[in-house]
Amino acid sequence: MPDIREILNALDEEDKRLWLHHRTEMRRSYLTAHNSVLGIHTWSNADDMFMDYIDIKLALLFDQSGRTKNTKTIVSLADAEKVEATLAQAQADRLNGKQQVQPSAATQMMQNGWTSQVPAKSN
């Protein structure tokens, strides 16, 4: 998982402001809910960790959106080659009739002309 500080440093000023706004709103909401349900006197380390989790998840949303201006390599060429080999093998298996994914019951019904009888799964 990327370091949250790297993600935040890679955001432009507008996105940093947006991240801070959402962070504040989510934290405020949780604090209000916690106080009204349990009372602030029951605040624990787990609640503190949840607040950190909010920060991390929001930062990851920005990272996943591609809004960071970071040039750091996340996936190496070796990683990419491994994934490509796995995909190529899966494609070859599919073409050779060795499909690993079993169709759902709905797909099987569609393939059988929408009859209510689903053929037994083969192993």
N, C-alpha and C. Protein backbone atom coordinates (compact mmCIF):
# COMPACT_ATOMS: atom_id res chain seq x y z
N MET A 1 0.85 -1.16 0.00
CA MET A 1 0.00 0.00 0.00
C MET A 1 0.90 1.24 0.00
N PRO A 2 0.57 2.22 -0.83
CA PRO A 2 1.38 3.44 -0.87
C PRO A 2 1.34 4.18 0.46
N ASP A 3 2.39 4.91 0.74
CA ASP A 3 2.47 5.73 1.94
C ASP A 3 1.53 6.92 1.77
N ILE A 4 0.66 7.16 2.75
CA ILE A 4 -0.32 8.24 2.66
C ILE A 4 0.36 9.60 2.46
N ARG A 5 1.54 9.78 3.04
CA ARG A 5 2.24 11.07 2.89
C ARG A 5 2.68 11.28 1.45
N GLU A 6 3.08 10.20 0.77
CA GLU A 6 3.46 10.33 -0.64
C GLU A 6 2.26 10.71 -1.49
N ILE A 7 1.12 10.13 -1.19
CA ILE A 7 -0.09 10.45 -1.95
C ILE A 7 -0.47 11.91 -1.73
N LEU A 8 -0.48 12.34 -0.48
CA LEU A 8 -0.88 13.72 -0.19
C LEU A 8 0.10 14.72 -0.79
N ASN A 9 1.38 14.40 -0.78
CA ASN A 9 2.37 15.30 -1.39
C ASN A 9 2.23 15.37 -2.90
N ALA A 10 1.64 14.33 -3.50
CA ALA A 10 1.50 14.29 -4.95
C ALA A 10 0.21 14.97 -5.44
N LEU A 11 -0.64 15.42 -4.52
CA LEU A 11 -1.88 16.10 -4.91
C LEU A 11 -1.61 17.57 -5.20
N ASP A 12 -2.38 18.13 -6.13
CA ASP A 12 -2.26 19.57 -6.35
C ASP A 12 -3.02 20.30 -5.23
N GLU A 13 -2.91 21.59 -5.19
CA GLU A 13 -3.47 22.37 -4.08
C GLU A 13 -4.98 22.20 -3.96
N GLU A 14 -5.68 22.18 -5.08
CA GLU A 14 -7.14 22.03 -5.04
C GLU A 14 -7.54 20.66 -4.49
N ASP A 15 -6.84 19.61 -4.89
CA ASP A 15 -7.15 18.28 -4.39
C ASP A 15 -6.78 18.13 -2.92
N LYS A 16 -5.71 18.79 -2.48
CA LYS A 16 -5.36 18.77 -1.05
C LYS A 16 -6.46 19.43 -0.24
N ARG A 17 -7.00 20.54 -0.76
CA ARG A 17 -8.09 21.23 -0.08
C ARG A 17 -9.32 20.33 -0.03
N LEU A 18 -9.61 19.65 -1.14
CA LEU A 18 -10.76 18.76 -1.20
C LEU A 18 -10.58 17.58 -0.23
N TRP A 19 -9.37 17.00 -0.19
CA TRP A 19 -9.10 15.91 0.75
C TRP A 19 -9.32 16.37 2.18
N LEU A 20 -8.79 17.54 2.52
CA LEU A 20 -8.93 18.07 3.87
C LEU A 20 -10.40 18.34 4.22
N HIS A 21 -11.15 18.85 3.26
CA HIS A 21 -12.57 19.12 3.49
C HIS A 21 -13.31 17.81 3.80
N HIS A 22 -13.12 16.79 2.97
CA HIS A 22 -13.81 15.51 3.20
C HIS A 22 -13.34 14.85 4.49
N ARG A 23 -12.07 14.96 4.79
CA ARG A 23 -11.51 14.40 6.02
C ARG A 23 -12.20 15.05 7.23
N THR A 24 -12.30 16.35 7.21
CA THR A 24 -12.92 17.08 8.32
C THR A 24 -14.38 16.69 8.47
N GLU A 25 -15.10 16.61 7.36
CA GLU A 25 -16.52 16.26 7.41
C GLU A 25 -16.73 14.85 7.95
N MET A 26 -15.92 13.90 7.50
CA MET A 26 -16.08 12.52 7.95
C MET A 26 -15.70 12.37 9.42
N ARG A 27 -14.64 13.04 9.83
CA ARG A 27 -14.24 12.98 11.24
C ARG A 27 -15.29 13.63 12.13
N ARG A 28 -15.79 14.76 11.70
CA ARG A 28 -16.82 15.47 12.47
C ARG A 28 -18.06 14.59 12.61
N SER A 29 -18.44 13.92 11.53
CA SER A 29 -19.61 13.05 11.57
C SER A 29 -19.41 11.90 12.55
N TYR A 30 -18.22 11.28 12.51
CA TYR A 30 -17.97 10.16 13.42
C TYR A 30 -17.94 10.63 14.88
N LEU A 31 -17.30 11.76 15.12
CA LEU A 31 -17.25 12.28 16.49
C LEU A 31 -18.65 12.58 17.02
N THR A 32 -19.48 13.17 16.18
CA THR A 32 -20.85 13.48 16.59
C THR A 32 -21.63 12.20 16.88
N ALA A 33 -21.51 11.21 16.00
CA ALA A 33 -22.21 9.94 16.21
C ALA A 33 -21.72 9.25 17.48
N HIS A 34 -20.41 9.22 17.66
CA HIS A 34 -19.84 8.57 18.85
C HIS A 34 -20.32 9.25 20.11
N ASN A 35 -20.30 10.57 20.12
CA ASN A 35 -20.70 11.32 21.30
C ASN A 35 -22.18 11.13 21.60
N SER A 36 -23.04 11.10 20.58
CA SER A 36 -24.47 10.97 20.83
C SER A 36 -24.87 9.54 21.21
N VAL A 37 -24.11 8.56 20.76
CA VAL A 37 -24.47 7.17 21.07
C VAL A 37 -23.79 6.69 22.36
N LEU A 38 -22.49 6.89 22.48
CA LEU A 38 -21.75 6.36 23.62
C LEU A 38 -21.27 7.42 24.60
N GLY A 39 -21.10 8.61 24.13
CA GLY A 39 -20.50 9.66 24.94
C GLY A 39 -19.01 9.72 24.69
N ILE A 40 -18.48 10.90 24.71
CA ILE A 40 -17.06 11.10 24.38
C ILE A 40 -16.15 10.50 25.45
N HIS A 41 -16.67 10.29 26.65
CA HIS A 41 -15.86 9.72 27.73
C HIS A 41 -15.47 8.26 27.46
N THR A 42 -16.12 7.61 26.48
CA THR A 42 -15.79 6.22 26.17
C THR A 42 -14.84 6.10 24.97
N TRP A 43 -14.30 7.21 24.53
CA TRP A 43 -13.38 7.22 23.38
C TRP A 43 -12.22 6.27 23.67
N SER A 44 -11.87 5.45 22.67
CA SER A 44 -10.81 4.47 22.88
C SER A 44 -9.77 4.54 21.78
N ASN A 45 -8.75 3.74 21.92
CA ASN A 45 -7.69 3.65 20.93
C ASN A 45 -8.26 3.17 19.59
N ALA A 46 -9.24 2.28 19.64
CA ALA A 46 -9.86 1.79 18.41
C ALA A 46 -10.55 2.92 17.65
N ASP A 47 -11.15 3.84 18.38
CA ASP A 47 -11.79 4.99 17.73
C ASP A 47 -10.73 5.88 17.07
N ASP A 48 -9.61 6.02 17.72
CA ASP A 48 -8.50 6.79 17.15
C ASP A 48 -7.98 6.13 15.87
N MET A 49 -7.89 4.80 15.90
CA MET A 49 -7.43 4.07 14.72
C MET A 49 -8.42 4.23 13.57
N PHE A 50 -9.72 4.26 13.90
CA PHE A 50 -10.73 4.46 12.87
C PHE A 50 -10.56 5.82 12.20
N MET A 51 -10.23 6.83 12.98
CA MET A 51 -10.00 8.17 12.42
C MET A 51 -8.81 8.15 11.45
N ASP A 52 -7.76 7.42 11.82
CA ASP A 52 -6.61 7.28 10.92
C ASP A 52 -7.02 6.54 9.65
N TYR A 53 -7.88 5.54 9.81
CA TYR A 53 -8.36 4.76 8.67
C TYR A 53 -9.12 5.66 7.68
N ILE A 54 -9.89 6.59 8.20
CA ILE A 54 -10.60 7.55 7.35
C ILE A 54 -9.59 8.32 6.49
N ASP A 55 -8.53 8.81 7.11
CA ASP A 55 -7.50 9.55 6.38
C ASP A 55 -6.89 8.70 5.27
N ILE A 56 -6.58 7.46 5.60
CA ILE A 56 -5.93 6.56 4.64
C ILE A 56 -6.87 6.27 3.47
N LYS A 57 -8.12 5.92 3.76
CA LYS A 57 -9.07 5.58 2.70
C LYS A 57 -9.31 6.77 1.78
N LEU A 58 -9.42 7.96 2.34
CA LEU A 58 -9.61 9.14 1.49
C LEU A 58 -8.40 9.36 0.59
N ALA A 59 -7.21 9.21 1.14
CA ALA A 59 -6.01 9.38 0.34
C ALA A 59 -5.95 8.34 -0.78
N LEU A 60 -6.34 7.11 -0.48
CA LEU A 60 -6.34 6.07 -1.49
C LEU A 60 -7.37 6.34 -2.58
N LEU A 61 -8.48 6.98 -2.23
CA LEU A 61 -9.46 7.35 -3.26
C LEU A 61 -8.83 8.29 -4.28
N PHE A 62 -8.07 9.27 -3.79
CA PHE A 62 -7.41 10.20 -4.70
C PHE A 62 -6.34 9.49 -5.52
N ASP A 63 -5.64 8.55 -4.90
CA ASP A 63 -4.62 7.79 -5.61
C ASP A 63 -5.26 6.94 -6.71
N GLN A 64 -6.35 6.28 -6.39
CA GLN A 64 -7.03 5.42 -7.36
C GLN A 64 -7.63 6.23 -8.51
N SER A 65 -7.98 7.47 -8.24
CA SER A 65 -8.60 8.29 -9.28
C SER A 65 -7.58 8.78 -10.30
N GLY A 66 -6.29 8.61 -9.98
CA GLY A 66 -5.25 9.06 -10.90
C GLY A 66 -4.99 10.56 -10.80
N ARG A 67 -5.43 11.19 -9.74
CA ARG A 67 -5.29 12.63 -9.61
C ARG A 67 -3.96 13.04 -8.99
N THR A 68 -3.10 12.08 -8.74
CA THR A 68 -1.80 12.41 -8.18
C THR A 68 -0.83 12.72 -9.30
N LYS A 69 0.13 13.56 -8.99
CA LYS A 69 1.16 13.90 -9.97
C LYS A 69 2.48 13.28 -9.55
N ASN A 70 2.42 12.00 -9.27
CA ASN A 70 3.56 11.26 -8.78
C ASN A 70 4.15 10.44 -9.92
N THR A 71 5.46 10.48 -10.04
CA THR A 71 6.12 9.71 -11.09
C THR A 71 6.81 8.47 -10.54
N LYS A 72 6.60 8.19 -9.26
CA LYS A 72 7.22 7.03 -8.64
C LYS A 72 6.66 5.76 -9.27
N THR A 73 7.53 4.80 -9.55
CA THR A 73 7.12 3.54 -10.14
C THR A 73 6.41 2.70 -9.10
N ILE A 74 5.20 2.31 -9.40
CA ILE A 74 4.42 1.50 -8.47
C ILE A 74 4.54 0.03 -8.85
N VAL A 75 4.53 -0.26 -10.13
CA VAL A 75 4.63 -1.64 -10.62
C VAL A 75 5.89 -1.75 -11.46
N SER A 76 6.71 -2.74 -11.14
CA SER A 76 7.95 -2.92 -11.89
C SER A 76 7.67 -3.70 -13.17
N LEU A 77 8.64 -3.73 -14.06
CA LEU A 77 8.52 -4.47 -15.31
C LEU A 77 8.34 -5.96 -15.02
N ALA A 78 9.04 -6.48 -14.02
CA ALA A 78 8.91 -7.89 -13.65
C ALA A 78 7.48 -8.20 -13.19
N ASP A 79 6.88 -7.29 -12.41
CA ASP A 79 5.49 -7.47 -11.97
C ASP A 79 4.56 -7.50 -13.17
N ALA A 80 4.77 -6.59 -14.10
CA ALA A 80 3.92 -6.51 -15.28
C ALA A 80 4.04 -7.77 -16.12
N GLU A 81 5.26 -8.28 -16.28
CA GLU A 81 5.46 -9.50 -17.05
C GLU A 81 4.78 -10.69 -16.40
N LYS A 82 4.82 -10.76 -15.08
CA LYS A 82 4.16 -11.86 -14.37
C LYS A 82 2.65 -11.81 -14.58
N VAL A 83 2.07 -10.63 -14.49
CA VAL A 83 0.63 -10.48 -14.70
C VAL A 83 0.27 -10.83 -16.14
N GLU A 84 1.07 -10.35 -17.10
CA GLU A 84 0.81 -10.64 -18.50
C GLU A 84 0.90 -12.14 -18.79
N ALA A 85 1.85 -12.82 -18.16
CA ALA A 85 1.97 -14.27 -18.35
C ALA A 85 0.76 -14.99 -17.78
N THR A 86 0.28 -14.56 -16.63
CA THR A 86 -0.90 -15.16 -16.02
C THR A 86 -2.12 -14.96 -16.91
N LEU A 87 -2.27 -13.75 -17.45
CA LEU A 87 -3.39 -13.46 -18.34
C LEU A 87 -3.30 -14.28 -19.63
N ALA A 88 -2.10 -14.39 -20.18
CA ALA A 88 -1.92 -15.17 -21.40
C ALA A 88 -2.26 -16.64 -21.16
N GLN A 89 -1.85 -17.19 -20.01
CA GLN A 89 -2.16 -18.58 -19.68
C GLN A 89 -3.67 -18.77 -19.51
N ALA A 90 -4.32 -17.83 -18.85
CA ALA A 90 -5.76 -17.91 -18.66
C ALA A 90 -6.48 -17.85 -20.00
N GLN A 91 -6.01 -17.01 -20.90
CA GLN A 91 -6.60 -16.92 -22.24
C GLN A 91 -6.40 -18.22 -23.01
N ALA A 92 -5.20 -18.79 -22.92
CA ALA A 92 -4.93 -20.05 -23.60
C ALA A 92 -5.81 -21.17 -23.04
N ASP A 93 -5.97 -21.22 -21.72
CA ASP A 93 -6.83 -22.23 -21.10
C ASP A 93 -8.27 -22.06 -21.56
N ARG A 94 -8.71 -20.81 -21.66
CA ARG A 94 -10.08 -20.54 -22.09
C ARG A 94 -10.28 -21.01 -23.53
N LEU A 95 -9.30 -20.73 -24.38
CA LEU A 95 -9.41 -21.13 -25.78
C LEU A 95 -9.34 -22.64 -25.96
N ASN A 96 -8.64 -23.32 -25.05
CA ASN A 96 -8.49 -24.77 -25.12
C ASN A 96 -9.58 -25.51 -24.34
N GLY A 97 -10.59 -24.79 -23.91
CA GLY A 97 -11.70 -25.42 -23.20
C GLY A 97 -11.42 -25.72 -21.75
N LYS A 98 -10.39 -25.15 -21.19
CA LYS A 98 -10.05 -25.39 -19.79
C LYS A 98 -10.47 -24.18 -18.95
N GLN A 99 -11.67 -23.69 -19.18
CA GLN A 99 -12.12 -22.49 -18.49
C GLN A 99 -12.20 -22.76 -16.99
N GLN A 100 -11.56 -21.92 -16.19
CA GLN A 100 -11.50 -22.12 -14.75
C GLN A 100 -12.72 -21.54 -14.05
N VAL A 101 -13.38 -20.58 -14.64
CA VAL A 101 -14.50 -19.92 -14.01
C VAL A 101 -15.78 -20.66 -14.38
N GLN A 102 -16.54 -21.04 -13.39
CA GLN A 102 -17.81 -21.70 -13.62
C GLN A 102 -18.88 -20.63 -13.82
N PRO A 103 -19.72 -20.79 -14.83
CA PRO A 103 -20.79 -19.80 -15.03
C PRO A 103 -21.79 -19.86 -13.88
N SER A 104 -22.42 -18.74 -13.61
CA SER A 104 -23.41 -18.69 -12.54
C SER A 104 -24.65 -19.48 -12.94
N ALA A 105 -25.52 -19.72 -11.98
CA ALA A 105 -26.76 -20.45 -12.25
C ALA A 105 -27.61 -19.68 -13.26
N ALA A 106 -27.63 -18.35 -13.18
CA ALA A 106 -28.40 -17.54 -14.12
C ALA A 106 -27.85 -17.68 -15.53
N THR A 107 -26.53 -17.68 -15.67
CA THR A 107 -25.92 -17.84 -16.99
C THR A 107 -26.22 -19.23 -17.54
N GLN A 108 -26.17 -20.24 -16.70
CA GLN A 108 -26.47 -21.60 -17.14
C GLN A 108 -27.92 -21.72 -17.60
N MET A 109 -28.84 -21.07 -16.88
CA MET A 109 -30.24 -21.09 -17.29
C MET A 109 -30.40 -20.42 -18.65
N MET A 110 -29.71 -19.30 -18.86
CA MET A 110 -29.79 -18.61 -20.13
C MET A 110 -29.26 -19.50 -21.26
N GLN A 111 -28.16 -20.16 -20.99
CA GLN A 111 -27.56 -21.04 -21.99
C GLN A 111 -28.45 -22.24 -22.30
N ASN A 112 -29.29 -22.64 -21.36
CA ASN A 112 -30.19 -23.78 -21.54
C ASN A 112 -31.59 -23.33 -21.98
N GLY A 113 -31.68 -22.16 -22.56
CA GLY A 113 -32.97 -21.70 -23.05
C GLY A 113 -33.91 -21.27 -21.95
N TRP A 114 -33.40 -20.81 -20.84
CA TRP A 114 -34.17 -20.28 -19.70
C TRP A 114 -35.04 -21.35 -19.06
N THR A 115 -34.63 -22.59 -19.11
CA THR A 115 -35.36 -23.62 -18.37
C THR A 115 -34.96 -23.54 -16.92
N SER A 116 -35.83 -24.03 -16.07
CA SER A 116 -35.54 -23.94 -14.64
C SER A 116 -34.57 -25.00 -14.16
N GLN A 117 -34.25 -25.95 -15.02
CA GLN A 117 -33.31 -27.00 -14.63
C GLN A 117 -31.90 -26.58 -14.95
N VAL A 118 -31.07 -26.55 -13.93
CA VAL A 118 -29.66 -26.20 -14.10
C VAL A 118 -28.87 -27.50 -14.09
N PRO A 119 -28.05 -27.72 -15.11
CA PRO A 119 -27.26 -28.96 -15.13
C PRO A 119 -26.31 -29.02 -13.94
N ALA A 120 -26.02 -30.23 -13.51
CA ALA A 120 -25.10 -30.42 -12.39
C ALA A 120 -23.73 -29.89 -12.77
N LYS A 121 -23.06 -29.31 -11.77
CA LYS A 121 -21.72 -28.78 -11.99
C LYS A 121 -20.73 -29.92 -12.18
N SER A 122 -19.85 -29.75 -13.12
CA SER A 122 -18.80 -30.75 -13.33
C SER A 122 -17.53 -30.26 -12.68
N ASN A 123 -16.77 -31.18 -12.12
CA ASN A 123 -15.52 -30.79 -11.46
C ASN A 123 -14.36 -30.94 -12.36
